[in-house]
Amino acid sequence: MTTGQRTAFDHRMAVFGTDDGFLAAALPFLGEGLAAPGEPPPVAIADPRNLDLLRDALGADAKDVTCIAHTDWYTGSAANAVAQAASYLTAHAGPGGRIHLLMEPVWSGRAGRSARETTEWIRYEALANLLFAPMATTALCAYDTRTAGPAVVAAARRAHPDTDVYQDPVRLTAELDAVPLPLPPDGAHPMAEPHAAAVRAWAEARGLPAADAELFATAVAETAAALAPLDGHTLLWGEAPACVCELRSAYRLDDPLAGFVPPPVDSPGLWYARQVCAYVDVRDDTAGATVRLQYA
């Protein structure tokens, strides 16, 4: 079992409800990054409107801050955001991952469109404390109460070590996963062996375009390989694009980071599934684990 612990990763949170509040949080943070010796230019990932505010307030220093529209950074699932951040740090951070990142999620878009989606992003915030623990990265997560509601802000505070309600990420994610999954529908299609070709044919019959059916089928096959030996039939249900596959493993995963850490090239497993599917739900129990993939 992975355990949470405080490390070099400096994960902060700022909450604001006005333009002035945003600048009051962002400017000192970016100034800290600009003054850090031997560190690459700080990065601001935010609403384009807030980026304009920053440029005006920074004046001549604006040229030394990398600005990225948050809609260009947060383009998919929470797992996609993990991969995006890891890739950026590899390419642009200084030694040991040193860089300052101002990060404003798109709460008016995918991240805030449903309770389930919001849960995935809170999971991302919590697991970031483990995933980036070895990195000397400093991140300030910006929460605008004009787009992120009170429940979102309250949940996010539990994922940030600089708040007075911070919780160990393993404990927090276990709480998120304690919510039971809805039962499969009565008409779910059983499949004894989830071979990619069979899953692809089923998905196409349910309306997924061929390219999407191929991605979904590969995600199912890779997950099945990672979970082997499987316990019982695989179940398929839903209509495009929300095609669902549920697999049952004979053993528990016991790892909140399962599928969030890049695996060896020859066994992508749950990592591939998390990158391709909108949702990957894992529920451990006394007899094994249930893993449910939903394409969109």
C-alpha atoms as a PDB file:
ATOM      1  CA  MET A   1       0.000   0.000   0.000  1.00  0.00           C
ATOM      2  CA  THR A   2       1.330   3.429  -0.925  1.00  0.00           C
ATOM      3  CA  THR A   3       1.476   5.872   1.991  1.00  0.00           C
ATOM      4  CA  GLY A   4       1.379   9.654   1.848  1.00  0.00           C
ATOM      5  CA  GLN A   5       4.190  11.752   3.226  1.00  0.00           C
ATOM      6  CA  ARG A   6       5.426  15.313   2.998  1.00  0.00           C
ATOM      7  CA  THR A   7       8.278  15.694   0.509  1.00  0.00           C
ATOM      8  CA  ALA A   8      10.036  18.189  -1.753  1.00  0.00           C
ATOM      9  CA  PHE A   9       6.926  18.916  -3.829  1.00  0.00           C
ATOM     10  CA  ASP A  10       5.462  22.246  -2.634  1.00  0.00           C
ATOM     11  CA  HIS A  11       1.718  22.095  -3.362  1.00  0.00           C
ATOM     12  CA  ARG A  12      -0.169  25.264  -2.438  1.00  0.00           C
ATOM     13  CA  MET A  13      -3.707  26.582  -2.836  1.00  0.00           C
ATOM     14  CA  ALA A  14      -5.093  30.084  -3.339  1.00  0.00           C
ATOM     15  CA  VAL A  15      -8.797  30.936  -3.137  1.00  0.00           C
ATOM     16  CA  PHE A  16     -10.123  34.229  -4.504  1.00  0.00           C
ATOM     17  CA  GLY A  17     -13.333  35.743  -5.779  1.00  0.00           C
ATOM     18  CA  THR A  18     -12.232  38.935  -7.509  1.00  0.00           C
ATOM     19  CA  ASP A  19      -9.697  40.046 -10.100  1.00  0.00           C
ATOM     20  CA  ASP A  20      -7.731  41.830  -7.382  1.00  0.00           C
ATOM     21  CA  GLY A  21      -7.773  38.645  -5.306  1.00  0.00           C
ATOM     22  CA  PHE A  22      -6.321  36.689  -8.207  1.00  0.00           C
ATOM     23  CA  LEU A  23      -3.505  39.182  -8.673  1.00  0.00           C
ATOM     24  CA  ALA A  24      -2.830  39.299  -4.929  1.00  0.00           C
ATOM     25  CA  ALA A  25      -2.189  35.545  -5.000  1.00  0.00           C
ATOM     26  CA  ALA A  26      -0.521  35.219  -8.403  1.00  0.00           C
ATOM     27  CA  LEU A  27       1.924  38.111  -8.480  1.00  0.00           C
ATOM     28  CA  PRO A  28       3.932  37.231  -5.331  1.00  0.00           C
ATOM     29  CA  PHE A  29       4.045  33.601  -6.405  1.00  0.00           C
ATOM     30  CA  LEU A  30       5.358  34.404  -9.875  1.00  0.00           C
ATOM     31  CA  GLY A  31       7.772  36.918  -8.360  1.00  0.00           C
ATOM     32  CA  GLU A  32       9.095  34.141  -6.127  1.00  0.00           C
ATOM     33  CA  GLY A  33       9.675  32.022  -9.207  1.00  0.00           C
ATOM     34  CA  LEU A  34      11.374  34.851 -11.089  1.00  0.00           C
ATOM     35  CA  ALA A  35      13.733  35.402  -8.155  1.00  0.00           C
ATOM     36  CA  ALA A  36      14.585  31.714  -7.657  1.00  0.00           C
ATOM     37  CA  PRO A  37      18.246  31.267  -8.686  1.00  0.00           C
ATOM     38  CA  GLY A  38      18.878  28.791 -11.458  1.00  0.00           C
ATOM     39  CA  GLU A  39      15.188  28.102 -12.006  1.00  0.00           C
ATOM     40  CA  PRO A  40      13.451  28.253 -15.427  1.00  0.00           C
ATOM     41  CA  PRO A  41      10.856  30.992 -16.012  1.00  0.00           C
ATOM     42  CA  PRO A  42       7.670  30.471 -14.001  1.00  0.00           C
ATOM     43  CA  VAL A  43       4.548  29.301 -15.798  1.00  0.00           C
ATOM     44  CA  ALA A  44       1.017  30.678 -15.483  1.00  0.00           C
ATOM     45  CA  ILE A  45      -1.720  28.287 -16.612  1.00  0.00           C
ATOM     46  CA  ALA A  46      -4.970  30.183 -16.222  1.00  0.00           C
ATOM     47  CA  ASP A  47      -8.126  31.564 -17.740  1.00  0.00           C
ATOM     48  CA  PRO A  48      -7.130  33.751 -20.731  1.00  0.00           C
ATOM     49  CA  ARG A  49      -8.817  36.711 -19.047  1.00  0.00           C
ATOM     50  CA  ASN A  50      -6.676  36.219 -15.951  1.00  0.00           C
ATOM     51  CA  LEU A  51      -3.579  35.898 -18.122  1.00  0.00           C
ATOM     52  CA  ASP A  52      -4.361  39.339 -19.564  1.00  0.00           C
ATOM     53  CA  LEU A  53      -4.633  40.705 -16.024  1.00  0.00           C
ATOM     54  CA  LEU A  54      -1.247  39.185 -15.232  1.00  0.00           C
ATOM     55  CA  ARG A  55       0.455  40.619 -18.294  1.00  0.00           C
ATOM     56  CA  ASP A  56      -0.826  44.101 -17.508  1.00  0.00           C
ATOM     57  CA  ALA A  57       0.222  43.863 -13.857  1.00  0.00           C
ATOM     58  CA  LEU A  58       3.642  42.343 -14.567  1.00  0.00           C
ATOM     59  CA  GLY A  59       4.607  44.991 -17.072  1.00  0.00           C
ATOM     60  CA  ALA A  60       8.156  44.445 -18.309  1.00  0.00           C
ATOM     61  CA  ASP A  61       8.427  41.197 -16.319  1.00  0.00           C
ATOM     62  CA  ALA A  62       5.639  39.631 -18.389  1.00  0.00           C
ATOM     63  CA  LYS A  63       8.158  38.556 -21.016  1.00  0.00           C
ATOM     64  CA  ASP A  64       9.833  36.323 -18.418  1.00  0.00           C
ATOM     65  CA  VAL A  65       6.650  34.410 -17.518  1.00  0.00           C
ATOM     66  CA  THR A  66       5.355  31.603 -19.727  1.00  0.00           C
ATOM     67  CA  CYS A  67       1.593  32.025 -20.116  1.00  0.00           C
ATOM     68  CA  ILE A  68      -0.626  29.118 -21.197  1.00  0.00           C
ATOM     69  CA  ALA A  69      -4.412  29.253 -21.525  1.00  0.00           C
ATOM     70  CA  HIS A  70      -5.857  26.673 -19.156  1.00  0.00           C
ATOM     71  CA  THR A  71      -8.137  25.397 -21.922  1.00  0.00           C
ATOM     72  CA  ASP A  72      -4.973  24.440 -23.833  1.00  0.00           C
ATOM     73  CA  TRP A  73      -3.493  22.612 -20.817  1.00  0.00           C
ATOM     74  CA  TYR A  74      -6.535  20.848 -19.345  1.00  0.00           C
ATOM     75  CA  THR A  75      -7.821  19.220 -22.523  1.00  0.00           C
ATOM     76  CA  GLY A  76      -9.041  15.861 -21.239  1.00  0.00           C
ATOM     77  CA  SER A  77      -9.404  13.796 -18.089  1.00  0.00           C
ATOM     78  CA  ALA A  78      -7.641  14.229 -14.772  1.00  0.00           C
ATOM     79  CA  ALA A  79      -5.298  11.387 -15.756  1.00  0.00           C
ATOM     80  CA  ASN A  80      -4.471  13.275 -18.957  1.00  0.00           C
ATOM     81  CA  ALA A  81      -3.555  16.289 -16.806  1.00  0.00           C
ATOM     82  CA  VAL A  82      -1.130  14.120 -14.812  1.00  0.00           C
ATOM     83  CA  ALA A  83       0.574  13.039 -18.033  1.00  0.00           C
ATOM     84  CA  GLN A  84       0.633  16.625 -19.328  1.00  0.00           C
ATOM     85  CA  ALA A  85       2.294  17.908 -16.155  1.00  0.00           C
ATOM     86  CA  ALA A  86       4.846  15.095 -16.072  1.00  0.00           C
ATOM     87  CA  SER A  87       5.733  15.679 -19.719  1.00  0.00           C
ATOM     88  CA  TYR A  88       6.103  19.430 -19.204  1.00  0.00           C
ATOM     89  CA  LEU A  89       8.328  18.992 -16.158  1.00  0.00           C
ATOM     90  CA  THR A  90      10.546  16.566 -18.037  1.00  0.00           C
ATOM     91  CA  ALA A  91      10.963  18.995 -20.915  1.00  0.00           C
ATOM     92  CA  HIS A  92      11.121  22.360 -19.141  1.00  0.00           C
ATOM     93  CA  ALA A  93      11.837  22.113 -15.409  1.00  0.00           C
ATOM     94  CA  GLY A  94      15.210  22.714 -13.870  1.00  0.00           C
ATOM     95  CA  PRO A  95      17.309  20.171 -11.958  1.00  0.00           C
ATOM     96  CA  GLY A  96      15.151  18.001  -9.741  1.00  0.00           C
ATOM     97  CA  GLY A  97      11.980  19.403 -11.291  1.00  0.00           C
ATOM     98  CA  ARG A  98      12.520  22.950 -10.049  1.00  0.00           C
ATOM     99  CA  ILE A  99       9.962  25.345 -11.513  1.00  0.00           C
ATOM    100  CA  HIS A 100       7.018  27.465 -10.307  1.00  0.00           C
ATOM    101  CA  LEU A 101       3.632  26.558 -11.810  1.00  0.00           C
ATOM    102  CA  LEU A 102       0.496  28.666 -11.300  1.00  0.00           C
ATOM    103  CA  MET A 103      -2.376  26.326 -12.212  1.00  0.00           C
ATOM    104  CA  GLU A 104      -6.050  27.229 -12.591  1.00  0.00           C
ATOM    105  CA  PRO A 105      -8.294  24.281 -13.533  1.00  0.00           C
ATOM    106  CA  VAL A 106     -11.215  24.858 -15.908  1.00  0.00           C
ATOM    107  CA  TRP A 107     -14.003  24.613 -13.337  1.00  0.00           C
ATOM    108  CA  SER A 108     -16.471  26.167 -15.752  1.00  0.00           C
ATOM    109  CA  GLY A 109     -15.781  23.299 -18.178  1.00  0.00           C
ATOM    110  CA  ARG A 110     -15.211  19.558 -17.854  1.00  0.00           C
ATOM    111  CA  ALA A 111     -13.854  19.591 -14.309  1.00  0.00           C
ATOM    112  CA  GLY A 112     -17.019  21.102 -12.874  1.00  0.00           C
ATOM    113  CA  ARG A 113     -19.691  19.698 -15.128  1.00  0.00           C
ATOM    114  CA  SER A 114     -20.815  16.915 -12.757  1.00  0.00           C
ATOM    115  CA  ALA A 115     -20.221  15.581  -9.258  1.00  0.00           C
ATOM    116  CA  ARG A 116     -18.469  12.560 -10.717  1.00  0.00           C
ATOM    117  CA  GLU A 117     -16.123  14.668 -12.830  1.00  0.00           C
ATOM    118  CA  THR A 118     -15.362  16.909  -9.868  1.00  0.00           C
ATOM    119  CA  THR A 119     -14.489  13.835  -7.804  1.00  0.00           C
ATOM    120  CA  GLU A 120     -11.912  12.826 -10.411  1.00  0.00           C
ATOM    121  CA  TRP A 121     -10.250  16.228 -10.242  1.00  0.00           C
ATOM    122  CA  ILE A 122     -10.138  16.203  -6.458  1.00  0.00           C
ATOM    123  CA  ARG A 123      -8.507  12.770  -6.765  1.00  0.00           C
ATOM    124  CA  TYR A 124      -5.962  14.328  -9.133  1.00  0.00           C
ATOM    125  CA  GLU A 125      -5.232  17.108  -6.628  1.00  0.00           C
ATOM    126  CA  ALA A 126      -4.776  14.598  -3.804  1.00  0.00           C
ATOM    127  CA  LEU A 127      -2.615  12.145  -5.756  1.00  0.00           C
ATOM    128  CA  ALA A 128      -0.408  14.957  -7.055  1.00  0.00           C
ATOM    129  CA  ASN A 129       1.121  14.999  -3.571  1.00  0.00           C
ATOM    130  CA  LEU A 130       2.357  11.447  -4.178  1.00  0.00           C
ATOM    131  CA  LEU A 131       2.923  11.485  -7.936  1.00  0.00           C
ATOM    132  CA  PHE A 132       5.183  14.542  -7.859  1.00  0.00           C
ATOM    133  CA  ALA A 133       6.633  13.937  -4.394  1.00  0.00           C
ATOM    134  CA  PRO A 134      10.214  13.462  -5.669  1.00  0.00           C
ATOM    135  CA  MET A 135      10.078  16.715  -7.654  1.00  0.00           C
ATOM    136  CA  ALA A 136      11.284  20.078  -6.312  1.00  0.00           C
ATOM    137  CA  THR A 137       8.350  21.707  -8.099  1.00  0.00           C
ATOM    138  CA  THR A 138       6.348  24.537  -6.552  1.00  0.00           C
ATOM    139  CA  ALA A 139       2.697  24.614  -7.633  1.00  0.00           C
ATOM    140  CA  LEU A 140       0.000  27.121  -6.713  1.00  0.00           C
ATOM    141  CA  CYS A 141      -3.505  25.883  -7.549  1.00  0.00           C
ATOM    142  CA  ALA A 142      -5.799  28.859  -8.139  1.00  0.00           C
ATOM    143  CA  TYR A 143      -9.480  28.480  -7.209  1.00  0.00           C
ATOM    144  CA  ASP A 144     -11.821  31.227  -8.373  1.00  0.00           C
ATOM    145  CA  THR A 145     -15.045  31.076  -6.362  1.00  0.00           C
ATOM    146  CA  ARG A 146     -16.844  32.667  -9.324  1.00  0.00           C
ATOM    147  CA  THR A 147     -16.459  29.350 -11.180  1.00  0.00           C
ATOM    148  CA  ALA A 148     -15.542  26.820  -8.479  1.00  0.00           C
ATOM    149  CA  GLY A 149     -18.402  26.393  -6.014  1.00  0.00           C
ATOM    150  CA  PRO A 150     -18.117  26.118  -2.219  1.00  0.00           C
ATOM    151  CA  ALA A 151     -18.213  22.296  -2.234  1.00  0.00           C
ATOM    152  CA  VAL A 152     -15.388  22.134  -4.774  1.00  0.00           C
ATOM    153  CA  VAL A 153     -13.237  24.559  -2.790  1.00  0.00           C
ATOM    154  CA  ALA A 154     -13.901  22.716   0.470  1.00  0.00           C
ATOM    155  CA  ALA A 155     -12.932  19.381  -1.086  1.00  0.00           C
ATOM    156  CA  ALA A 156      -9.826  20.830  -2.727  1.00  0.00           C
ATOM    157  CA  ARG A 157      -8.614  22.273   0.568  1.00  0.00           C
ATOM    158  CA  ARG A 158      -8.348  18.709   1.881  1.00  0.00           C
ATOM    159  CA  ALA A 159      -5.882  17.936  -0.947  1.00  0.00           C
ATOM    160  CA  HIS A 160      -3.461  20.807  -0.308  1.00  0.00           C
ATOM    161  CA  PRO A 161      -0.816  20.571   2.437  1.00  0.00           C
ATOM    162  CA  ASP A 162      -0.814  24.330   3.128  1.00  0.00           C
ATOM    163  CA  THR A 163      -4.404  24.284   4.449  1.00  0.00           C
ATOM    164  CA  ASP A 164      -5.580  23.485   7.966  1.00  0.00           C
ATOM    165  CA  VAL A 165      -7.809  20.626   6.746  1.00  0.00           C
ATOM    166  CA  TYR A 166      -5.254  18.725   4.653  1.00  0.00           C
ATOM    167  CA  GLN A 167      -5.642  14.952   4.681  1.00  0.00           C
ATOM    168  CA  ASP A 168      -3.236  12.216   3.720  1.00  0.00           C
ATOM    169  CA  PRO A 169      -3.858  11.553   0.004  1.00  0.00           C
ATOM    170  CA  VAL A 170      -4.182   7.796   0.502  1.00  0.00           C
ATOM    171  CA  ARG A 171      -6.889   8.358   3.088  1.00  0.00           C
ATOM    172  CA  LEU A 172      -8.679  10.939   0.941  1.00  0.00           C
ATOM    173  CA  THR A 173      -8.714   8.775  -2.184  1.00  0.00           C
ATOM    174  CA  ALA A 174      -9.896   5.785  -0.141  1.00  0.00           C
ATOM    175  CA  GLU A 175     -12.809   7.927   1.002  1.00  0.00           C
ATOM    176  CA  LEU A 176     -13.637   8.820  -2.610  1.00  0.00           C
ATOM    177  CA  ASP A 177     -13.516   5.133  -3.558  1.00  0.00           C
ATOM    178  CA  ALA A 178     -15.742   4.086  -0.666  1.00  0.00           C
ATOM    179  CA  VAL A 179     -18.763   5.187  -2.709  1.00  0.00           C
ATOM    180  CA  PRO A 180     -20.214   1.986  -4.253  1.00  0.00           C
ATOM    181  CA  LEU A 181     -20.441   1.756  -8.018  1.00  0.00           C
ATOM    182  CA  PRO A 182     -23.944   1.516  -9.506  1.00  0.00           C
ATOM    183  CA  LEU A 183     -24.886  -2.067 -10.343  1.00  0.00           C
ATOM    184  CA  PRO A 184     -24.472  -3.127 -13.997  1.00  0.00           C
ATOM    185  CA  PRO A 185     -27.765  -3.061 -15.907  1.00  0.00           C
ATOM    186  CA  ASP A 186     -29.710  -6.276 -16.348  1.00  0.00           C
ATOM    187  CA  GLY A 187     -28.986  -6.283 -20.072  1.00  0.00           C
ATOM    188  CA  ALA A 188     -25.191  -6.123 -19.728  1.00  0.00           C
ATOM    189  CA  HIS A 189     -23.415  -8.310 -22.279  1.00  0.00           C
ATOM    190  CA  PRO A 190     -21.171 -11.002 -20.719  1.00  0.00           C
ATOM    191  CA  MET A 191     -17.889 -11.915 -22.396  1.00  0.00           C
ATOM    192  CA  ALA A 192     -15.829 -14.852 -21.185  1.00  0.00           C
ATOM    193  CA  GLU A 193     -12.572 -13.557 -22.689  1.00  0.00           C
ATOM    194  CA  PRO A 194     -12.275  -9.794 -23.373  1.00  0.00           C
ATOM    195  CA  HIS A 195     -10.216 -10.092 -26.537  1.00  0.00           C
ATOM    196  CA  ALA A 196      -9.677  -6.785 -28.310  1.00  0.00           C
ATOM    197  CA  ALA A 197     -11.324  -7.888 -31.567  1.00  0.00           C
ATOM    198  CA  ALA A 198     -14.507  -8.987 -29.808  1.00  0.00           C
ATOM    199  CA  VAL A 199     -14.725  -5.819 -27.719  1.00  0.00           C
ATOM    200  CA  ARG A 200     -14.078  -3.679 -30.799  1.00  0.00           C
ATOM    201  CA  ALA A 201     -16.888  -5.379 -32.708  1.00  0.00           C
ATOM    202  CA  TRP A 202     -19.260  -4.910 -29.771  1.00  0.00           C
ATOM    203  CA  ALA A 203     -18.338  -1.217 -29.428  1.00  0.00           C
ATOM    204  CA  GLU A 204     -18.818  -0.534 -33.131  1.00  0.00           C
ATOM    205  CA  ALA A 205     -22.232  -2.209 -32.952  1.00  0.00           C
ATOM    206  CA  ARG A 206     -23.054   0.198 -30.105  1.00  0.00           C
ATOM    207  CA  GLY A 207     -22.214   3.187 -32.269  1.00  0.00           C
ATOM    208  CA  LEU A 208     -18.585   3.997 -31.527  1.00  0.00           C
ATOM    209  CA  PRO A 209     -16.644   5.082 -34.627  1.00  0.00           C
ATOM    210  CA  ALA A 210     -14.008   2.570 -35.670  1.00  0.00           C
ATOM    211  CA  ALA A 211     -11.066   4.595 -34.321  1.00  0.00           C
ATOM    212  CA  ASP A 212     -12.742   5.089 -30.945  1.00  0.00           C
ATOM    213  CA  ALA A 213     -13.799   1.446 -30.798  1.00  0.00           C
ATOM    214  CA  GLU A 214     -10.173   0.471 -31.392  1.00  0.00           C
ATOM    215  CA  LEU A 215      -8.989   2.675 -28.513  1.00  0.00           C
ATOM    216  CA  PHE A 216     -11.667   1.365 -26.166  1.00  0.00           C
ATOM    217  CA  ALA A 217     -10.986  -2.263 -27.098  1.00  0.00           C
ATOM    218  CA  THR A 218      -7.249  -1.821 -26.564  1.00  0.00           C
ATOM    219  CA  ALA A 219      -7.897  -0.212 -23.168  1.00  0.00           C
ATOM    220  CA  VAL A 220     -10.037  -3.201 -22.167  1.00  0.00           C
ATOM    221  CA  ALA A 221      -7.470  -5.726 -23.390  1.00  0.00           C
ATOM    222  CA  GLU A 222      -4.566  -3.962 -21.659  1.00  0.00           C
ATOM    223  CA  THR A 223      -6.534  -3.715 -18.427  1.00  0.00           C
ATOM    224  CA  ALA A 224      -7.449  -7.388 -18.614  1.00  0.00           C
ATOM    225  CA  ALA A 225      -3.790  -8.282 -19.017  1.00  0.00           C
ATOM    226  CA  ALA A 226      -2.826  -6.132 -16.043  1.00  0.00           C
ATOM    227  CA  LEU A 227      -5.533  -7.664 -13.835  1.00  0.00           C
ATOM    228  CA  ALA A 228      -4.991 -11.307 -14.776  1.00  0.00           C
ATOM    229  CA  PRO A 229      -6.162 -13.717 -13.614  1.00  0.00           C
ATOM    230  CA  LEU A 230      -9.674 -12.430 -14.166  1.00  0.00           C
ATOM    231  CA  ASP A 231     -12.483 -13.705 -11.993  1.00  0.00           C
ATOM    232  CA  GLY A 232     -15.707 -14.386 -13.872  1.00  0.00           C
ATOM    233  CA  HIS A 233     -17.156 -12.845 -17.015  1.00  0.00           C
ATOM    234  CA  THR A 234     -16.357  -9.377 -18.293  1.00  0.00           C
ATOM    235  CA  LEU A 235     -19.479  -7.242 -18.695  1.00  0.00           C
ATOM    236  CA  LEU A 236     -20.168  -4.685 -21.450  1.00  0.00           C
ATOM    237  CA  TRP A 237     -23.013  -2.193 -21.675  1.00  0.00           C
ATOM    238  CA  GLY A 238     -23.992   1.277 -22.806  1.00  0.00           C
ATOM    239  CA  GLU A 239     -24.313   3.171 -26.064  1.00  0.00           C
ATOM    240  CA  ALA A 240     -21.761   5.361 -27.818  1.00  0.00           C
ATOM    241  CA  PRO A 241     -19.962   7.304 -26.633  1.00  0.00           C
ATOM    242  CA  ALA A 242     -20.572   6.056 -23.079  1.00  0.00           C
ATOM    243  CA  CYS A 243     -19.568   2.439 -23.664  1.00  0.00           C
ATOM    244  CA  VAL A 244     -18.707   0.671 -20.410  1.00  0.00           C
ATOM    245  CA  CYS A 245     -16.676  -2.427 -19.583  1.00  0.00           C
ATOM    246  CA  GLU A 246     -16.426  -3.998 -16.136  1.00  0.00           C
ATOM    247  CA  LEU A 247     -13.700  -6.492 -15.306  1.00  0.00           C
ATOM    248  CA  ARG A 248     -13.262  -8.500 -12.156  1.00  0.00           C
ATOM    249  CA  SER A 249      -9.807  -9.388 -10.814  1.00  0.00           C
ATOM    250  CA  ALA A 250      -9.078 -12.259  -8.453  1.00  0.00           C
ATOM    251  CA  TYR A 251      -6.808 -10.013  -6.383  1.00  0.00           C
ATOM    252  CA  ARG A 252      -6.936  -6.542  -4.850  1.00  0.00           C
ATOM    253  CA  LEU A 253      -4.977  -3.679  -6.395  1.00  0.00           C
ATOM    254  CA  ASP A 254      -4.349  -1.902  -3.069  1.00  0.00           C
ATOM    255  CA  ASP A 255      -2.706   1.030  -4.842  1.00  0.00           C
ATOM    256  CA  PRO A 256      -4.332   4.468  -5.222  1.00  0.00           C
ATOM    257  CA  LEU A 257      -1.758   5.296  -7.907  1.00  0.00           C
ATOM    258  CA  ALA A 258      -2.711   2.333 -10.118  1.00  0.00           C
ATOM    259  CA  GLY A 259      -2.807   3.627 -13.687  1.00  0.00           C
ATOM    260  CA  PHE A 260      -1.420   7.063 -12.828  1.00  0.00           C
ATOM    261  CA  VAL A 261       2.264   6.116 -13.030  1.00  0.00           C
ATOM    262  CA  PRO A 262       3.692   5.306 -16.487  1.00  0.00           C
ATOM    263  CA  PRO A 263       4.490   1.567 -16.655  1.00  0.00           C
ATOM    264  CA  PRO A 264       7.089  -0.257 -18.758  1.00  0.00           C
ATOM    265  CA  VAL A 265       6.545   0.293 -22.474  1.00  0.00           C
ATOM    266  CA  ASP A 266       5.576  -3.330 -23.080  1.00  0.00           C
ATOM    267  CA  SER A 267       2.770  -3.393 -20.474  1.00  0.00           C
ATOM    268  CA  PRO A 268       0.767  -0.163 -20.516  1.00  0.00           C
ATOM    269  CA  GLY A 269      -2.185  -1.675 -18.614  1.00  0.00           C
ATOM    270  CA  LEU A 270      -4.248   0.712 -16.517  1.00  0.00           C
ATOM    271  CA  TRP A 271      -2.084   3.668 -17.542  1.00  0.00           C
ATOM    272  CA  TYR A 272      -3.314   3.274 -21.104  1.00  0.00           C
ATOM    273  CA  ALA A 273      -6.902   2.860 -19.934  1.00  0.00           C
ATOM    274  CA  ARG A 274      -6.749   6.051 -17.864  1.00  0.00           C
ATOM    275  CA  GLN A 275      -5.302   8.002 -20.790  1.00  0.00           C
ATOM    276  CA  VAL A 276      -7.969   6.767 -23.217  1.00  0.00           C
ATOM    277  CA  CYS A 277     -11.121   6.476 -21.095  1.00  0.00           C
ATOM    278  CA  ALA A 278     -13.011   9.298 -19.435  1.00  0.00           C
ATOM    279  CA  TYR A 279     -13.442   7.243 -16.261  1.00  0.00           C
ATOM    280  CA  VAL A 280     -11.606   4.323 -14.712  1.00  0.00           C
ATOM    281  CA  ASP A 281     -13.143   3.218 -11.406  1.00  0.00           C
ATOM    282  CA  VAL A 282     -11.378   0.760  -9.108  1.00  0.00           C
ATOM    283  CA  ARG A 283     -13.073  -0.858  -6.127  1.00  0.00           C
ATOM    284  CA  ASP A 284     -11.175  -3.310  -3.927  1.00  0.00           C
ATOM    285  CA  ASP A 285     -13.029  -5.755  -1.699  1.00  0.00           C
ATOM    286  CA  THR A 286     -12.239  -8.849   0.332  1.00  0.00           C
ATOM    287  CA  ALA A 287     -12.368 -11.142  -2.706  1.00  0.00           C
ATOM    288  CA  GLY A 288     -10.499  -9.058  -5.286  1.00  0.00           C
ATOM    289  CA  ALA A 289     -11.155  -5.925  -7.293  1.00  0.00           C
ATOM    290  CA  THR A 290     -13.695  -4.532  -9.733  1.00  0.00           C
ATOM    291  CA  VAL A 291     -12.386  -2.225 -12.463  1.00  0.00           C
ATOM    292  CA  ARG A 292     -14.864  -0.328 -14.616  1.00  0.00           C
ATOM    293  CA  LEU A 293     -13.892   1.576 -17.775  1.00  0.00           C
ATOM    294  CA  GLN A 294     -16.173   4.149 -19.406  1.00  0.00           C
ATOM    295  CA  TYR A 295     -15.016   5.516 -22.729  1.00  0.00           C
ATOM    296  CA  ALA A 296     -16.750   8.921 -22.546  1.00  0.00           C
END
